[in-house]
Amino acid sequence: MSKIEVKKLHTFLGHNDSIYTLQVVDDKRFISAGGDGMIVLWDLESPDEGEVIVKIPNSVYALTYDPDEGYLYVGQNNEGIHKIDLQGKKEVKSIHLGDHQIFDLQLVDDKVSVGLSNGEVITLSKSLSIENRKKYASDRIRCIDQFENQIALGCSDNITRIIDRSSDEVLFELKGHKNSVFASKFHPSGKYLITAGRDAQLKVWDTQVDYVLRESIAAHLYTINDVIFRADGRYFVTASMDKSIKLWDAHNFKLLKVLDKHRHAGHGNSVNKLLWMNYRDLLVTCSDDRSISVWEIKFAE
């Protein structure tokens, strides 16, 4: 493995249950949410000053933020979507979407795309009116990502579906995983897609050649919960239920570093979500252990 210096800078505490999701607000600030329903704003320059924005009555798996208008969209399991004025710290609108878990939210073309546990994707306007809904899978929509005119949906029927944004039609069905797909992320250049999930495998799909499978990597011991690229596309990180965080070369897909409890005072339970912040190029991770860790990573570049 290449020489990489890793330093754990901060541990953020305050949540009373598992932390499932993180969302960037700006270069220095991010939001966390999880099983306790608390929506907490953190500032990397003031690590001891987490601010509770609102309290949601149920667990939260998904958030997305609109930086243009300053609204946070929160997916409340078995209820629907809450639109939160981040500065005013109050809810301004909500919509009930039925008795479904909400696994991902993404802003796509000024719309809010919602992935539901019944295999549907619902498209909402920013005012939370339903503009479209379509069932793509027989099981849960676990993750949503986009690059240009295509959207990748990772599903619990083991398939990743590539959707045309203009027609909402399925262009490709990527069949390679043996279990639910928890993460699907396009490389920043769009040249390939990485998928990962419950089978602990990383799959690399060539977007330039009809999504042919290029790599299959046994990456972790247990479920891979999330994948994230650094903004320049040179590296990516995986987070797993096996409690570890792994750093990878995004060119040759070689493992570069393992961050875990034994070697780096890492998390004591499943690592659920990742952010790679612009501020000092810091990595942020959250876990079932109710903590958020902030990592400084120096690559030999």
C-alpha atoms as a PDB file:
ATOM      1  CA  MET A   1       0.000   0.000   0.000  1.00  0.00           C
ATOM      2  CA  SER A   2       1.151   3.558  -0.732  1.00  0.00           C
ATOM      3  CA  LYS A   3       2.373   5.771   2.080  1.00  0.00           C
ATOM      4  CA  ILE A   4      -0.586   7.784   3.331  1.00  0.00           C
ATOM      5  CA  GLU A   5      -0.689   9.786   6.522  1.00  0.00           C
ATOM      6  CA  VAL A   6      -3.977   9.629   8.404  1.00  0.00           C
ATOM      7  CA  LYS A   7      -4.890  11.654  11.472  1.00  0.00           C
ATOM      8  CA  LYS A   8      -8.207  11.631  13.289  1.00  0.00           C
ATOM      9  CA  LEU A   9      -8.866  15.289  14.087  1.00  0.00           C
ATOM     10  CA  HIS A  10     -12.257  15.290  15.807  1.00  0.00           C
ATOM     11  CA  THR A  11     -15.030  13.109  17.166  1.00  0.00           C
ATOM     12  CA  PHE A  12     -18.481  14.725  17.168  1.00  0.00           C
ATOM     13  CA  LEU A  13     -20.894  13.385  19.787  1.00  0.00           C
ATOM     14  CA  GLY A  14     -24.486  14.227  20.647  1.00  0.00           C
ATOM     15  CA  HIS A  15     -26.747  11.842  18.753  1.00  0.00           C
ATOM     16  CA  ASN A  16     -28.666   9.330  20.868  1.00  0.00           C
ATOM     17  CA  ASP A  17     -28.962   6.636  18.203  1.00  0.00           C
ATOM     18  CA  SER A  18     -27.255   5.380  15.038  1.00  0.00           C
ATOM     19  CA  ILE A  19     -26.234   8.092  12.567  1.00  0.00           C
ATOM     20  CA  TYR A  20     -27.322   7.078   9.078  1.00  0.00           C
ATOM     21  CA  THR A  21     -26.719  10.050   6.822  1.00  0.00           C
ATOM     22  CA  LEU A  22     -24.639  13.178   6.234  1.00  0.00           C
ATOM     23  CA  GLN A  23     -25.206  16.145   3.943  1.00  0.00           C
ATOM     24  CA  VAL A  24     -22.852  18.934   2.834  1.00  0.00           C
ATOM     25  CA  VAL A  25     -24.139  22.497   3.400  1.00  0.00           C
ATOM     26  CA  ASP A  26     -21.051  24.431   2.289  1.00  0.00           C
ATOM     27  CA  ASP A  27     -17.263  24.057   2.324  1.00  0.00           C
ATOM     28  CA  LYS A  28     -17.084  23.939   6.138  1.00  0.00           C
ATOM     29  CA  ARG A  29     -20.527  22.876   7.356  1.00  0.00           C
ATOM     30  CA  PHE A  30     -22.513  19.658   7.147  1.00  0.00           C
ATOM     31  CA  ILE A  31     -25.635  18.078   8.623  1.00  0.00           C
ATOM     32  CA  SER A  32     -26.118  14.692  10.294  1.00  0.00           C
ATOM     33  CA  ALA A  33     -29.268  12.666  10.986  1.00  0.00           C
ATOM     34  CA  GLY A  34     -30.219   9.186  12.080  1.00  0.00           C
ATOM     35  CA  GLY A  35     -32.319   7.016  14.328  1.00  0.00           C
ATOM     36  CA  ASP A  36     -33.040   9.712  16.922  1.00  0.00           C
ATOM     37  CA  GLY A  37     -34.638  12.069  14.378  1.00  0.00           C
ATOM     38  CA  MET A  38     -32.340  14.942  15.325  1.00  0.00           C
ATOM     39  CA  ILE A  39     -31.136  17.105  12.424  1.00  0.00           C
ATOM     40  CA  VAL A  40     -27.799  18.538  13.587  1.00  0.00           C
ATOM     41  CA  LEU A  41     -25.647  21.209  11.895  1.00  0.00           C
ATOM     42  CA  TRP A  42     -21.864  20.990  12.402  1.00  0.00           C
ATOM     43  CA  ASP A  43     -19.048  23.407  11.545  1.00  0.00           C
ATOM     44  CA  LEU A  44     -15.561  22.011  10.943  1.00  0.00           C
ATOM     45  CA  GLU A  45     -14.074  25.243  12.303  1.00  0.00           C
ATOM     46  CA  SER A  46     -16.060  24.867  15.556  1.00  0.00           C
ATOM     47  CA  PRO A  47     -16.118  21.116  16.167  1.00  0.00           C
ATOM     48  CA  ASP A  48     -17.624  21.290  19.652  1.00  0.00           C
ATOM     49  CA  GLU A  49     -20.664  23.333  18.672  1.00  0.00           C
ATOM     50  CA  GLY A  50     -23.200  21.076  16.999  1.00  0.00           C
ATOM     51  CA  GLU A  51     -26.565  22.811  16.584  1.00  0.00           C
ATOM     52  CA  VAL A  52     -29.883  20.944  16.558  1.00  0.00           C
ATOM     53  CA  ILE A  53     -31.936  22.443  13.716  1.00  0.00           C
ATOM     54  CA  VAL A  54     -35.143  20.439  14.148  1.00  0.00           C
ATOM     55  CA  LYS A  55     -36.297  17.161  15.688  1.00  0.00           C
ATOM     56  CA  ILE A  56     -38.157  14.730  13.407  1.00  0.00           C
ATOM     57  CA  PRO A  57     -40.513  12.176  15.045  1.00  0.00           C
ATOM     58  CA  ASN A  58     -39.005   9.191  13.242  1.00  0.00           C
ATOM     59  CA  SER A  59     -35.693   7.874  11.925  1.00  0.00           C
ATOM     60  CA  VAL A  60     -34.025   9.638   8.982  1.00  0.00           C
ATOM     61  CA  TYR A  61     -31.988   7.845   6.304  1.00  0.00           C
ATOM     62  CA  ALA A  62     -31.883  10.579   3.660  1.00  0.00           C
ATOM     63  CA  LEU A  63     -31.181  14.303   3.333  1.00  0.00           C
ATOM     64  CA  THR A  64     -30.530  16.707   0.478  1.00  0.00           C
ATOM     65  CA  TYR A  65     -29.766  20.413   0.577  1.00  0.00           C
ATOM     66  CA  ASP A  66     -30.582  23.199  -1.867  1.00  0.00           C
ATOM     67  CA  PRO A  67     -27.785  25.786  -1.528  1.00  0.00           C
ATOM     68  CA  ASP A  68     -29.519  28.272  -3.841  1.00  0.00           C
ATOM     69  CA  GLU A  69     -32.581  28.638  -1.618  1.00  0.00           C
ATOM     70  CA  GLY A  70     -31.200  27.468   1.745  1.00  0.00           C
ATOM     71  CA  TYR A  71     -33.707  24.667   2.262  1.00  0.00           C
ATOM     72  CA  LEU A  72     -32.987  21.199   3.599  1.00  0.00           C
ATOM     73  CA  TYR A  73     -35.191  18.300   2.462  1.00  0.00           C
ATOM     74  CA  VAL A  74     -35.518  15.530   5.043  1.00  0.00           C
ATOM     75  CA  GLY A  75     -36.883  12.038   4.399  1.00  0.00           C
ATOM     76  CA  GLN A  76     -38.842  10.774   7.408  1.00  0.00           C
ATOM     77  CA  ASN A  77     -39.394   7.031   7.317  1.00  0.00           C
ATOM     78  CA  ASN A  78     -43.054   5.979   6.975  1.00  0.00           C
ATOM     79  CA  GLU A  79     -44.166   9.596   6.636  1.00  0.00           C
ATOM     80  CA  GLY A  80     -42.659  11.648   3.825  1.00  0.00           C
ATOM     81  CA  ILE A  81     -40.596  14.729   3.109  1.00  0.00           C
ATOM     82  CA  HIS A  82     -40.050  17.765   5.341  1.00  0.00           C
ATOM     83  CA  LYS A  83     -38.798  21.042   3.857  1.00  0.00           C
ATOM     84  CA  ILE A  84     -36.699  22.858   6.467  1.00  0.00           C
ATOM     85  CA  ASP A  85     -35.604  26.505   6.465  1.00  0.00           C
ATOM     86  CA  LEU A  86     -32.043  25.981   7.655  1.00  0.00           C
ATOM     87  CA  GLN A  87     -31.434  29.549   8.778  1.00  0.00           C
ATOM     88  CA  GLY A  88     -34.830  29.927  10.429  1.00  0.00           C
ATOM     89  CA  LYS A  89     -34.596  26.451  11.968  1.00  0.00           C
ATOM     90  CA  LYS A  90     -38.196  25.613  11.159  1.00  0.00           C
ATOM     91  CA  GLU A  91     -40.276  23.436   8.895  1.00  0.00           C
ATOM     92  CA  VAL A  92     -41.984  25.329   6.086  1.00  0.00           C
ATOM     93  CA  LYS A  93     -43.775  22.466   4.335  1.00  0.00           C
ATOM     94  CA  SER A  94     -44.161  18.681   4.277  1.00  0.00           C
ATOM     95  CA  ILE A  95     -45.771  15.978   2.153  1.00  0.00           C
ATOM     96  CA  HIS A  96     -46.898  12.497   3.173  1.00  0.00           C
ATOM     97  CA  LEU A  97     -45.753   9.774   0.756  1.00  0.00           C
ATOM     98  CA  GLY A  98     -47.314   6.743   2.363  1.00  0.00           C
ATOM     99  CA  ASP A  99     -46.035   4.114   4.752  1.00  0.00           C
ATOM    100  CA  HIS A 100     -42.630   3.726   3.094  1.00  0.00           C
ATOM    101  CA  GLN A 101     -39.028   4.041   4.135  1.00  0.00           C
ATOM    102  CA  ILE A 102     -37.081   6.725   2.271  1.00  0.00           C
ATOM    103  CA  PHE A 103     -33.536   5.628   1.489  1.00  0.00           C
ATOM    104  CA  ASP A 104     -32.233   8.480  -0.670  1.00  0.00           C
ATOM    105  CA  LEU A 105     -33.023  12.035  -1.740  1.00  0.00           C
ATOM    106  CA  GLN A 106     -31.272  13.892  -4.553  1.00  0.00           C
ATOM    107  CA  LEU A 107     -31.768  17.235  -6.267  1.00  0.00           C
ATOM    108  CA  VAL A 108     -31.981  16.513  -9.991  1.00  0.00           C
ATOM    109  CA  ASP A 109     -32.802  19.302 -12.466  1.00  0.00           C
ATOM    110  CA  ASP A 110     -34.268  21.509  -9.726  1.00  0.00           C
ATOM    111  CA  LYS A 111     -36.513  18.649  -8.619  1.00  0.00           C
ATOM    112  CA  VAL A 112     -36.325  16.403  -5.566  1.00  0.00           C
ATOM    113  CA  SER A 113     -35.977  12.723  -6.465  1.00  0.00           C
ATOM    114  CA  VAL A 114     -37.118  10.365  -3.701  1.00  0.00           C
ATOM    115  CA  GLY A 115     -36.209   6.661  -3.542  1.00  0.00           C
ATOM    116  CA  LEU A 116     -38.827   4.592  -1.695  1.00  0.00           C
ATOM    117  CA  SER A 117     -38.892   1.144  -0.129  1.00  0.00           C
ATOM    118  CA  ASN A 118     -41.626  -0.016  -2.540  1.00  0.00           C
ATOM    119  CA  GLY A 119     -39.319   0.358  -5.569  1.00  0.00           C
ATOM    120  CA  GLU A 120     -40.745   3.708  -6.661  1.00  0.00           C
ATOM    121  CA  VAL A 121     -38.988   6.952  -7.475  1.00  0.00           C
ATOM    122  CA  ILE A 122     -41.135  10.022  -6.844  1.00  0.00           C
ATOM    123  CA  THR A 123     -40.207  13.370  -8.386  1.00  0.00           C
ATOM    124  CA  LEU A 124     -41.260  16.412  -6.364  1.00  0.00           C
ATOM    125  CA  SER A 125     -41.124  20.093  -7.175  1.00  0.00           C
ATOM    126  CA  LYS A 126     -39.301  22.258  -4.654  1.00  0.00           C
ATOM    127  CA  SER A 127     -42.730  23.251  -3.349  1.00  0.00           C
ATOM    128  CA  LEU A 128     -43.311  19.518  -2.625  1.00  0.00           C
ATOM    129  CA  SER A 129     -45.960  18.782  -5.200  1.00  0.00           C
ATOM    130  CA  ILE A 130     -45.745  15.385  -6.920  1.00  0.00           C
ATOM    131  CA  GLU A 131     -44.725  15.777 -10.568  1.00  0.00           C
ATOM    132  CA  ASN A 132     -43.997  12.170 -11.403  1.00  0.00           C
ATOM    133  CA  ARG A 133     -43.842   8.748  -9.820  1.00  0.00           C
ATOM    134  CA  LYS A 134     -42.654   5.543 -11.385  1.00  0.00           C
ATOM    135  CA  LYS A 135     -41.954   2.044 -10.107  1.00  0.00           C
ATOM    136  CA  TYR A 136     -38.575   0.764 -11.262  1.00  0.00           C
ATOM    137  CA  ALA A 137     -37.944  -2.237  -9.010  1.00  0.00           C
ATOM    138  CA  SER A 138     -39.717  -5.002  -7.135  1.00  0.00           C
ATOM    139  CA  ASP A 139     -37.838  -4.018  -3.982  1.00  0.00           C
ATOM    140  CA  ARG A 140     -36.310  -0.934  -2.357  1.00  0.00           C
ATOM    141  CA  ILE A 141     -34.592   1.940  -4.163  1.00  0.00           C
ATOM    142  CA  ARG A 142     -31.498   2.295  -1.993  1.00  0.00           C
ATOM    143  CA  CYS A 143     -29.473   5.005  -3.730  1.00  0.00           C
ATOM    144  CA  ILE A 144     -29.643   7.621  -6.473  1.00  0.00           C
ATOM    145  CA  ASP A 145     -26.789   9.291  -8.367  1.00  0.00           C
ATOM    146  CA  GLN A 146     -26.589  11.255 -11.592  1.00  0.00           C
ATOM    147  CA  PHE A 147     -24.137  12.273 -14.275  1.00  0.00           C
ATOM    148  CA  GLU A 148     -25.303  14.514 -17.100  1.00  0.00           C
ATOM    149  CA  ASN A 149     -28.356  12.897 -18.692  1.00  0.00           C
ATOM    150  CA  GLN A 150     -28.251   9.598 -16.798  1.00  0.00           C
ATOM    151  CA  ILE A 151     -29.365   8.525 -13.316  1.00  0.00           C
ATOM    152  CA  ALA A 152     -28.166   5.389 -11.525  1.00  0.00           C
ATOM    153  CA  LEU A 153     -30.612   3.666  -9.172  1.00  0.00           C
ATOM    154  CA  GLY A 154     -29.217   1.029  -6.820  1.00  0.00           C
ATOM    155  CA  CYS A 155     -31.989  -1.404  -5.868  1.00  0.00           C
ATOM    156  CA  SER A 156     -32.601  -4.169  -3.354  1.00  0.00           C
ATOM    157  CA  ASP A 157     -33.439  -6.649  -6.115  1.00  0.00           C
ATOM    158  CA  ASN A 158     -29.640  -6.741  -6.728  1.00  0.00           C
ATOM    159  CA  ILE A 159     -29.858  -4.633  -9.912  1.00  0.00           C
ATOM    160  CA  THR A 160     -28.554  -1.138 -10.705  1.00  0.00           C
ATOM    161  CA  ARG A 161     -30.745   0.603 -13.248  1.00  0.00           C
ATOM    162  CA  ILE A 162     -29.518   3.391 -15.513  1.00  0.00           C
ATOM    163  CA  ILE A 163     -32.322   5.833 -16.267  1.00  0.00           C
ATOM    164  CA  ASP A 164     -32.587   8.429 -19.032  1.00  0.00           C
ATOM    165  CA  ARG A 165     -33.366  11.737 -17.301  1.00  0.00           C
ATOM    166  CA  SER A 166     -35.510  13.138 -20.106  1.00  0.00           C
ATOM    167  CA  SER A 167     -37.705  10.082 -20.736  1.00  0.00           C
ATOM    168  CA  ASP A 168     -37.537   8.312 -17.329  1.00  0.00           C
ATOM    169  CA  GLU A 169     -36.961   5.082 -19.250  1.00  0.00           C
ATOM    170  CA  VAL A 170     -34.525   2.342 -18.228  1.00  0.00           C
ATOM    171  CA  LEU A 171     -31.485   2.306 -20.523  1.00  0.00           C
ATOM    172  CA  PHE A 172     -29.476  -0.474 -18.847  1.00  0.00           C
ATOM    173  CA  GLU A 173     -29.937  -3.022 -16.075  1.00  0.00           C
ATOM    174  CA  LEU A 174     -26.621  -3.866 -14.419  1.00  0.00           C
ATOM    175  CA  LYS A 175     -26.714  -7.382 -13.016  1.00  0.00           C
ATOM    176  CA  GLY A 176     -23.626  -8.434 -11.121  1.00  0.00           C
ATOM    177  CA  HIS A 177     -24.321  -8.167  -7.426  1.00  0.00           C
ATOM    178  CA  LYS A 178     -25.607 -11.118  -5.427  1.00  0.00           C
ATOM    179  CA  ASN A 179     -27.544  -8.944  -3.014  1.00  0.00           C
ATOM    180  CA  SER A 180     -28.950  -5.465  -2.457  1.00  0.00           C
ATOM    181  CA  VAL A 181     -27.100  -2.497  -4.017  1.00  0.00           C
ATOM    182  CA  PHE A 182     -26.522   0.156  -1.350  1.00  0.00           C
ATOM    183  CA  ALA A 183     -24.272   2.580  -3.259  1.00  0.00           C
ATOM    184  CA  SER A 184     -23.963   3.649  -6.903  1.00  0.00           C
ATOM    185  CA  LYS A 185     -21.569   6.494  -7.685  1.00  0.00           C
ATOM    186  CA  PHE A 186     -20.365   7.947 -10.974  1.00  0.00           C
ATOM    187  CA  HIS A 187     -16.711   8.924 -11.220  1.00  0.00           C
ATOM    188  CA  PRO A 188     -16.501  12.758 -11.398  1.00  0.00           C
ATOM    189  CA  SER A 189     -15.516  12.459 -15.068  1.00  0.00           C
ATOM    190  CA  GLY A 190     -18.443  10.136 -15.763  1.00  0.00           C
ATOM    191  CA  LYS A 191     -16.141   7.545 -17.330  1.00  0.00           C
ATOM    192  CA  TYR A 192     -17.270   4.762 -15.017  1.00  0.00           C
ATOM    193  CA  LEU A 193     -19.783   3.875 -12.324  1.00  0.00           C
ATOM    194  CA  ILE A 194     -18.985   2.090  -9.066  1.00  0.00           C
ATOM    195  CA  THR A 195     -21.659   0.023  -7.340  1.00  0.00           C
ATOM    196  CA  ALA A 196     -21.469  -1.724  -3.974  1.00  0.00           C
ATOM    197  CA  GLY A 197     -23.742  -3.286  -1.407  1.00  0.00           C
ATOM    198  CA  ARG A 198     -24.664  -6.161   0.831  1.00  0.00           C
ATOM    199  CA  ASP A 199     -22.425  -8.691  -0.963  1.00  0.00           C
ATOM    200  CA  ALA A 200     -19.351  -6.588   0.086  1.00  0.00           C
ATOM    201  CA  GLN A 201     -18.249  -6.378  -3.564  1.00  0.00           C
ATOM    202  CA  LEU A 202     -17.199  -3.350  -5.590  1.00  0.00           C
ATOM    203  CA  LYS A 203     -18.274  -3.452  -9.227  1.00  0.00           C
ATOM    204  CA  VAL A 204     -16.811  -1.069 -11.818  1.00  0.00           C
ATOM    205  CA  TRP A 205     -18.956  -0.455 -14.908  1.00  0.00           C
ATOM    206  CA  ASP A 206     -17.652   1.223 -18.081  1.00  0.00           C
ATOM    207  CA  THR A 207     -20.142   3.962 -18.973  1.00  0.00           C
ATOM    208  CA  GLN A 208     -18.474   4.479 -22.349  1.00  0.00           C
ATOM    209  CA  VAL A 209     -19.120   0.903 -23.534  1.00  0.00           C
ATOM    210  CA  ASP A 210     -22.752   0.196 -22.578  1.00  0.00           C
ATOM    211  CA  TYR A 211     -21.853  -0.281 -18.904  1.00  0.00           C
ATOM    212  CA  VAL A 212     -19.809  -3.421 -19.413  1.00  0.00           C
ATOM    213  CA  LEU A 213     -18.428  -4.809 -16.130  1.00  0.00           C
ATOM    214  CA  ARG A 214     -14.679  -4.015 -15.942  1.00  0.00           C
ATOM    215  CA  GLU A 215     -13.752  -4.891 -12.342  1.00  0.00           C
ATOM    216  CA  SER A 216     -15.183  -6.969  -9.520  1.00  0.00           C
ATOM    217  CA  ILE A 217     -13.405  -6.561  -6.185  1.00  0.00           C
ATOM    218  CA  ALA A 218     -13.958  -8.347  -2.881  1.00  0.00           C
ATOM    219  CA  ALA A 219     -13.571  -5.101  -0.956  1.00  0.00           C
ATOM    220  CA  HIS A 220     -14.901  -5.680   2.582  1.00  0.00           C
ATOM    221  CA  LEU A 221     -15.970  -8.464   4.923  1.00  0.00           C
ATOM    222  CA  TYR A 222     -19.565  -7.252   5.208  1.00  0.00           C
ATOM    223  CA  THR A 223     -22.013  -4.832   3.563  1.00  0.00           C
ATOM    224  CA  ILE A 224     -20.578  -1.744   1.865  1.00  0.00           C
ATOM    225  CA  ASN A 225     -22.854   1.130   2.889  1.00  0.00           C
ATOM    226  CA  ASP A 226     -21.379   4.025   0.937  1.00  0.00           C
ATOM    227  CA  VAL A 227     -18.827   5.066  -1.695  1.00  0.00           C
ATOM    228  CA  ILE A 228     -17.480   8.567  -2.278  1.00  0.00           C
ATOM    229  CA  PHE A 229     -14.928  10.082  -4.679  1.00  0.00           C
ATOM    230  CA  ARG A 230     -12.570  12.913  -3.930  1.00  0.00           C
ATOM    231  CA  ALA A 231     -13.525  15.927  -6.051  1.00  0.00           C
ATOM    232  CA  ASP A 232     -10.518  15.535  -8.377  1.00  0.00           C
ATOM    233  CA  GLY A 233     -11.429  11.892  -9.056  1.00  0.00           C
ATOM    234  CA  ARG A 234      -8.033  10.471  -8.033  1.00  0.00           C
ATOM    235  CA  TYR A 235      -9.248   8.515  -5.009  1.00  0.00           C
ATOM    236  CA  PHE A 236     -12.395   7.034  -3.549  1.00  0.00           C
ATOM    237  CA  VAL A 237     -13.443   5.779  -0.133  1.00  0.00           C
ATOM    238  CA  THR A 238     -15.720   2.941   0.968  1.00  0.00           C
ATOM    239  CA  ALA A 239     -17.583   2.557   4.282  1.00  0.00           C
ATOM    240  CA  SER A 240     -18.698  -0.801   5.589  1.00  0.00           C
ATOM    241  CA  MET A 241     -20.719  -2.662   8.160  1.00  0.00           C
ATOM    242  CA  ASP A 242     -17.411  -4.379   9.038  1.00  0.00           C
ATOM    243  CA  LYS A 243     -16.552  -1.109  10.931  1.00  0.00           C
ATOM    244  CA  SER A 244     -13.768  -0.144   8.512  1.00  0.00           C
ATOM    245  CA  ILE A 245     -13.158   2.701   6.075  1.00  0.00           C
ATOM    246  CA  LYS A 246     -10.980   1.955   3.056  1.00  0.00           C
ATOM    247  CA  LEU A 247      -9.132   4.337   0.713  1.00  0.00           C
ATOM    248  CA  TRP A 248      -8.668   3.325  -2.923  1.00  0.00           C
ATOM    249  CA  ASP A 249      -6.837   4.487  -6.026  1.00  0.00           C
ATOM    250  CA  ALA A 250      -9.552   5.508  -8.503  1.00  0.00           C
ATOM    251  CA  HIS A 251      -7.300   4.764 -11.514  1.00  0.00           C
ATOM    252  CA  ASN A 252      -6.219   1.189 -10.866  1.00  0.00           C
ATOM    253  CA  PHE A 253      -8.694   0.317  -8.042  1.00  0.00           C
ATOM    254  CA  LYS A 254      -5.907  -0.750  -5.689  1.00  0.00           C
ATOM    255  CA  LEU A 255      -6.424  -0.568  -1.934  1.00  0.00           C
ATOM    256  CA  LEU A 256      -4.292   2.182  -0.374  1.00  0.00           C
ATOM    257  CA  LYS A 257      -5.239   2.360   3.304  1.00  0.00           C
ATOM    258  CA  VAL A 258      -7.539   0.837   5.906  1.00  0.00           C
ATOM    259  CA  LEU A 259      -8.943   2.985   8.718  1.00  0.00           C
ATOM    260  CA  ASP A 260     -10.315   0.973  11.619  1.00  0.00           C
ATOM    261  CA  LYS A 261     -10.646   1.022  15.385  1.00  0.00           C
ATOM    262  CA  HIS A 262      -7.491  -0.957  16.057  1.00  0.00           C
ATOM    263  CA  ARG A 263      -5.103   1.065  13.889  1.00  0.00           C
ATOM    264  CA  HIS A 264      -6.603   4.555  13.798  1.00  0.00           C
ATOM    265  CA  ALA A 265      -9.146   4.774  16.654  1.00  0.00           C
ATOM    266  CA  GLY A 266     -11.898   4.362  14.083  1.00  0.00           C
ATOM    267  CA  HIS A 267     -15.543   3.511  14.571  1.00  0.00           C
ATOM    268  CA  GLY A 268     -16.746   0.752  16.867  1.00  0.00           C
ATOM    269  CA  ASN A 269     -19.687  -0.246  14.714  1.00  0.00           C
ATOM    270  CA  SER A 270     -21.032  -0.083  11.160  1.00  0.00           C
ATOM    271  CA  VAL A 271     -19.809   2.955   9.155  1.00  0.00           C
ATOM    272  CA  ASN A 272     -22.844   4.267   7.306  1.00  0.00           C
ATOM    273  CA  LYS A 273     -22.065   7.435   5.357  1.00  0.00           C
ATOM    274  CA  LEU A 274     -19.157   9.480   4.004  1.00  0.00           C
ATOM    275  CA  LEU A 275     -18.464  13.097   3.056  1.00  0.00           C
ATOM    276  CA  TRP A 276     -15.298  14.469   1.455  1.00  0.00           C
ATOM    277  CA  MET A 277     -15.319  18.147   2.410  1.00  0.00           C
ATOM    278  CA  ASN A 278     -13.641  20.978   0.481  1.00  0.00           C
ATOM    279  CA  TYR A 279     -12.407  22.460   3.753  1.00  0.00           C
ATOM    280  CA  ARG A 280      -8.840  21.184   4.176  1.00  0.00           C
ATOM    281  CA  ASP A 281      -9.797  18.132   2.095  1.00  0.00           C
ATOM    282  CA  LEU A 282     -11.198  16.479   5.245  1.00  0.00           C
ATOM    283  CA  LEU A 283     -13.093  13.180   5.260  1.00  0.00           C
ATOM    284  CA  VAL A 284     -16.180  12.898   7.492  1.00  0.00           C
ATOM    285  CA  THR A 285     -17.663   9.543   8.533  1.00  0.00           C
ATOM    286  CA  CYS A 286     -20.628   8.497  10.678  1.00  0.00           C
ATOM    287  CA  SER A 287     -21.591   5.257  12.348  1.00  0.00           C
ATOM    288  CA  ASP A 288     -23.998   3.100  14.296  1.00  0.00           C
ATOM    289  CA  ASP A 289     -21.726   3.891  17.263  1.00  0.00           C
ATOM    290  CA  ARG A 290     -23.491   7.323  17.411  1.00  0.00           C
ATOM    291  CA  SER A 291     -20.344   9.254  16.561  1.00  0.00           C
ATOM    292  CA  ILE A 292     -19.011  11.325  13.673  1.00  0.00           C
ATOM    293  CA  SER A 293     -15.272  11.220  12.909  1.00  0.00           C
ATOM    294  CA  VAL A 294     -13.273  13.831  11.003  1.00  0.00           C
ATOM    295  CA  TRP A 295     -10.120  12.616   9.267  1.00  0.00           C
ATOM    296  CA  GLU A 296      -7.138  14.406   7.775  1.00  0.00           C
ATOM    297  CA  ILE A 297      -5.644  12.321   4.990  1.00  0.00           C
ATOM    298  CA  LYS A 298      -2.371  13.231   3.321  1.00  0.00           C
ATOM    299  CA  PHE A 299      -1.579  11.321   0.147  1.00  0.00           C
ATOM    300  CA  ALA A 300       1.937  10.963  -1.242  1.00  0.00           C
ATOM    301  CA  GLU A 301       1.175  12.976  -4.374  1.00  0.00           C
END
